[in-house]
Protein backbone atom coordinates (compact mmCIF):
# COMPACT_ATOMS: atom_id res chain seq x y z
CA MET A 1 -11.98 -15.50 -23.84
CA MET A 2 -9.44 -12.84 -22.79
CA ARG A 3 -11.52 -9.78 -23.66
CA SER A 4 -13.79 -11.09 -21.06
CA VAL A 5 -11.21 -11.63 -18.42
CA MET A 6 -10.11 -8.11 -18.77
CA GLN A 7 -13.20 -6.64 -18.13
CA HIS A 8 -14.21 -8.35 -15.58
CA ALA A 9 -10.54 -7.56 -13.86
CA GLN A 10 -11.38 -3.55 -14.65
CA ARG A 11 -14.68 -4.25 -12.49
CA ASN A 12 -12.87 -5.33 -9.78
CA ILE A 13 -10.19 -2.66 -9.37
CA PRO A 14 -11.31 -0.09 -6.98
CA SER A 15 -11.72 3.15 -7.40
CA ARG A 16 -8.24 5.65 -7.62
CA ASP A 17 -9.67 7.33 -4.12
CA GLU A 18 -9.92 4.18 -2.46
CA VAL A 19 -6.17 3.24 -3.51
CA VAL A 20 -5.13 6.77 -2.45
CA THR A 21 -6.70 6.30 1.09
CA ARG A 22 -5.41 2.48 1.69
CA ALA A 23 -2.10 3.46 0.85
CA ARG A 24 -2.18 6.72 3.02
CA ALA A 25 -3.49 4.16 5.95
CA VAL A 26 -0.35 1.87 5.08
CA VAL A 27 2.18 4.59 5.37
CA ARG A 28 0.58 5.95 8.27
CA ASN A 29 0.91 2.80 10.22
CA LEU A 30 4.76 1.58 8.68
CA ARG A 31 6.35 5.05 9.65
CA PRO A 32 6.57 4.23 13.44
CA ILE A 33 8.22 1.15 12.57
CA ALA A 34 10.22 1.98 9.95
CA PHE A 35 11.48 5.02 11.94
CA ALA A 36 11.66 2.63 14.90
CA TYR A 37 13.65 0.19 13.17
CA LEU A 38 16.17 2.76 11.58
CA ALA A 39 16.94 4.75 14.95
CA ASP A 40 17.93 1.06 16.18
CA ARG A 41 20.10 0.35 12.87
CA VAL A 42 21.98 3.82 13.62
CA TYR A 43 21.86 4.29 17.22
CA GLY A 44 22.02 0.70 18.53
CA GLY A 45 23.91 -0.83 16.12
């Protein structure tokens, strides 16, 4: 039973390139938000 679950989970894991692309997109979207937050904390008090 556990073996079939593991095989099914492996089949659903996206490719490494897809993970990298998705991670880069997230970083690109979050970077300006994080920068604005830090600037507000540092300069805005």
